[in-house]
């Protein structure tokens, strides 16, 4: 019962915190992923976004490219760094709404492919991640801080 109460409290807190944030910008028709150069708006179910403290945003065609960027921002956008980031969001697989990338769960190794092949599939809750694993033959559930610099590259090679 305590776990349920704690989960409910955290859920309410997250909802209130998100309600106080400005709306997440959507990618425009000409916005390109800074990692791969694809038009992001063509893949609305996979959009990931980093918003900077000055309001500027980078959009990605999936969480995998967001993580590639996360581990080396200057490689993809000169003058950008983690310290300048204010918000990071990914699109939840089931409800297709933006969720906080740092609290999301990511399933890898499933039979669901994103715009660039094997992908980190973002989900809002452990229950959703476990259901997704069963439905789509996922291999692992990861939290944001468990994703290493090498893992996005391993996904590109189909190794997870």
Protein backbone atom coordinates (compact mmCIF):
# COMPACT_ATOMS: atom_id res chain seq x y z
CA UNK A 1 0.00 0.00 0.00
CA UNK A 2 2.88 2.36 0.78
CA UNK A 3 4.40 1.76 -2.67
CA UNK A 4 1.07 2.62 -4.31
CA UNK A 5 0.74 5.81 -2.26
CA UNK A 6 4.29 6.83 -3.10
CA UNK A 7 3.74 6.11 -6.80
CA UNK A 8 0.52 8.14 -6.75
CA UNK A 9 2.24 11.04 -5.01
CA UNK A 10 5.11 11.02 -7.51
CA UNK A 11 2.64 10.88 -10.41
CA UNK A 12 0.73 13.88 -9.06
CA UNK A 13 3.97 15.79 -8.49
CA UNK A 14 5.15 15.07 -12.06
CA UNK A 15 1.80 16.16 -13.48
CA UNK A 16 1.91 19.45 -11.56
CA UNK A 17 5.53 20.06 -12.58
CA UNK A 18 4.74 19.45 -16.26
CA UNK A 19 1.66 21.68 -16.10
CA UNK A 20 3.89 24.56 -14.99
CA UNK A 21 6.25 24.14 -17.94
CA UNK A 22 5.63 25.92 -21.24
CA UNK A 23 4.33 23.68 -24.02
CA UNK A 24 6.95 21.66 -25.80
CA UNK A 25 7.70 23.08 -29.27
CA UNK A 26 6.76 20.82 -32.17
CA UNK A 27 9.12 20.27 -35.07
CA UNK A 28 8.36 22.34 -38.13
CA UNK A 29 8.17 20.91 -41.65
CA UNK A 30 11.82 21.79 -42.33
CA UNK A 31 13.37 20.82 -38.97
CA UNK A 32 16.17 18.30 -39.46
CA UNK A 33 17.55 15.89 -36.89
CA UNK A 34 21.02 17.26 -36.02
CA UNK A 35 22.40 13.70 -35.86
CA UNK A 36 21.16 12.06 -39.06
CA UNK A 37 19.68 14.93 -41.08
CA UNK A 38 16.22 13.37 -41.50
CA UNK A 39 13.07 15.53 -41.55
CA UNK A 40 11.72 15.05 -38.04
CA UNK A 41 8.11 16.04 -38.72
CA UNK A 42 7.69 12.99 -40.96
CA UNK A 43 7.92 10.77 -37.86
CA UNK A 44 5.63 12.37 -35.22
CA UNK A 45 5.30 9.11 -33.25
CA UNK A 46 9.05 9.08 -32.60
CA UNK A 47 9.89 12.75 -31.98
CA UNK A 48 12.36 13.55 -29.22
CA UNK A 49 13.21 17.15 -28.29
CA UNK A 50 15.83 19.05 -26.34
CA UNK A 51 14.86 22.57 -25.33
CA UNK A 52 17.61 24.93 -24.24
CA UNK A 53 17.46 27.58 -21.54
CA UNK A 54 17.27 30.28 -24.25
CA UNK A 55 14.18 28.58 -25.79
CA UNK A 56 15.98 27.11 -28.80
CA UNK A 57 15.08 23.47 -29.53
CA UNK A 58 16.62 20.54 -31.34
CA UNK A 59 14.28 17.82 -32.57
CA UNK A 60 15.27 14.22 -33.26
CA UNK A 61 13.62 11.44 -35.25
CA UNK A 62 13.88 9.10 -32.28
CA UNK A 63 15.35 8.58 -28.85
CA UNK A 64 18.38 6.79 -30.32
CA UNK A 65 19.58 9.94 -32.09
CA UNK A 66 18.73 12.02 -29.02
CA UNK A 67 21.08 9.79 -26.99
CA UNK A 68 23.83 10.07 -29.60
CA UNK A 69 23.49 13.84 -29.29
CA UNK A 70 23.30 13.71 -25.46
CA UNK A 71 26.69 12.06 -25.22
CA UNK A 72 28.44 14.56 -27.52
CA UNK A 73 26.41 17.75 -28.20
CA UNK A 74 29.30 19.77 -29.74
CA UNK A 75 29.82 17.04 -32.36
CA UNK A 76 26.37 17.76 -33.77
CA UNK A 77 25.78 21.42 -32.84
CA UNK A 78 28.74 23.69 -32.16
CA UNK A 79 28.45 25.68 -28.96
CA UNK A 80 25.82 23.40 -27.41
CA UNK A 81 26.30 21.54 -24.16
CA UNK A 82 24.32 19.63 -21.57
CA UNK A 83 24.60 22.55 -19.16
CA UNK A 84 22.49 24.69 -21.52
CA UNK A 85 19.66 22.15 -21.73
CA UNK A 86 16.46 22.97 -19.88
CA UNK A 87 14.17 20.12 -20.93
CA UNK A 88 14.46 16.78 -22.67
CA UNK A 89 11.38 14.94 -23.92
CA UNK A 90 10.59 11.79 -25.87
CA UNK A 91 7.30 10.54 -27.30
CA UNK A 92 5.58 7.82 -25.30
CA UNK A 93 4.95 4.81 -27.55
CA UNK A 94 1.42 4.12 -26.32
CA UNK A 95 -0.17 7.55 -25.81
CA UNK A 96 1.98 9.43 -28.36
CA UNK A 97 2.44 12.32 -25.92
CA UNK A 98 5.73 13.90 -24.88
CA UNK A 99 7.16 12.62 -21.61
CA UNK A 100 10.26 13.58 -19.63
CA UNK A 101 13.16 11.68 -21.17
CA UNK A 102 14.91 11.32 -17.82
CA UNK A 103 11.97 9.59 -16.15
CA UNK A 104 10.91 7.52 -19.18
CA UNK A 105 11.71 3.84 -19.49
CA UNK A 106 13.22 2.51 -22.70
CA UNK A 107 12.76 -0.93 -24.20
CA UNK A 108 15.39 -2.22 -26.59
CA UNK A 109 15.58 -5.30 -28.78
CA UNK A 110 11.89 -5.40 -29.71
CA UNK A 111 10.25 -6.17 -33.03
CA UNK A 112 9.20 -2.50 -33.34
CA UNK A 113 11.49 -0.44 -35.55
CA UNK A 114 11.74 3.34 -35.61
CA UNK A 115 12.67 5.62 -38.52
CA UNK A 116 16.33 4.62 -38.20
CA UNK A 117 15.84 0.91 -37.45
CA UNK A 118 16.30 -0.56 -33.98
CA UNK A 119 15.27 2.04 -31.44
CA UNK A 120 14.91 2.92 -27.78
CA UNK A 121 11.12 2.66 -27.37
CA UNK A 122 10.07 5.24 -24.73
CA UNK A 123 7.34 4.37 -22.24
CA UNK A 124 5.92 6.33 -19.32
CA UNK A 125 5.61 3.57 -16.72
CA UNK A 126 7.09 0.25 -15.70
CA UNK A 127 3.71 -1.43 -16.31
CA UNK A 128 3.68 -0.10 -19.89
CA UNK A 129 7.30 -1.14 -20.42
CA UNK A 130 6.59 -4.67 -19.17
CA UNK A 131 3.47 -4.94 -21.36
CA UNK A 132 5.45 -3.68 -24.36
CA UNK A 133 8.20 -6.23 -23.65
CA UNK A 134 5.66 -9.07 -23.74
CA UNK A 135 3.78 -7.80 -26.80
CA UNK A 136 6.84 -6.93 -28.88
CA UNK A 137 9.53 -9.39 -27.78
CA UNK A 138 11.68 -6.73 -26.11
CA UNK A 139 15.03 -7.72 -24.64
CA UNK A 140 15.69 -5.11 -21.92
CA UNK A 141 14.13 -2.20 -20.06
CA UNK A 142 16.49 0.67 -19.33
CA UNK A 143 16.31 3.95 -17.45
CA UNK A 144 17.88 7.12 -18.86
CA UNK A 145 20.97 6.86 -16.67
CA UNK A 146 21.56 3.22 -17.69
CA UNK A 147 22.08 4.13 -21.34
CA UNK A 148 25.74 4.32 -22.23
CA UNK A 149 27.45 6.16 -25.06
CA UNK A 150 28.05 2.85 -26.85
CA UNK A 151 24.48 1.54 -26.66
CA UNK A 152 22.96 3.68 -29.46
CA UNK A 153 25.74 2.50 -31.77
CA UNK A 154 25.13 -1.10 -30.74
CA UNK A 155 21.44 -0.66 -31.61
CA UNK A 156 22.49 0.57 -35.07
CA UNK A 157 24.30 -2.73 -35.50
CA UNK A 158 21.36 -4.76 -34.20
CA UNK A 159 23.31 -5.77 -31.07
CA UNK A 160 21.53 -5.37 -27.77
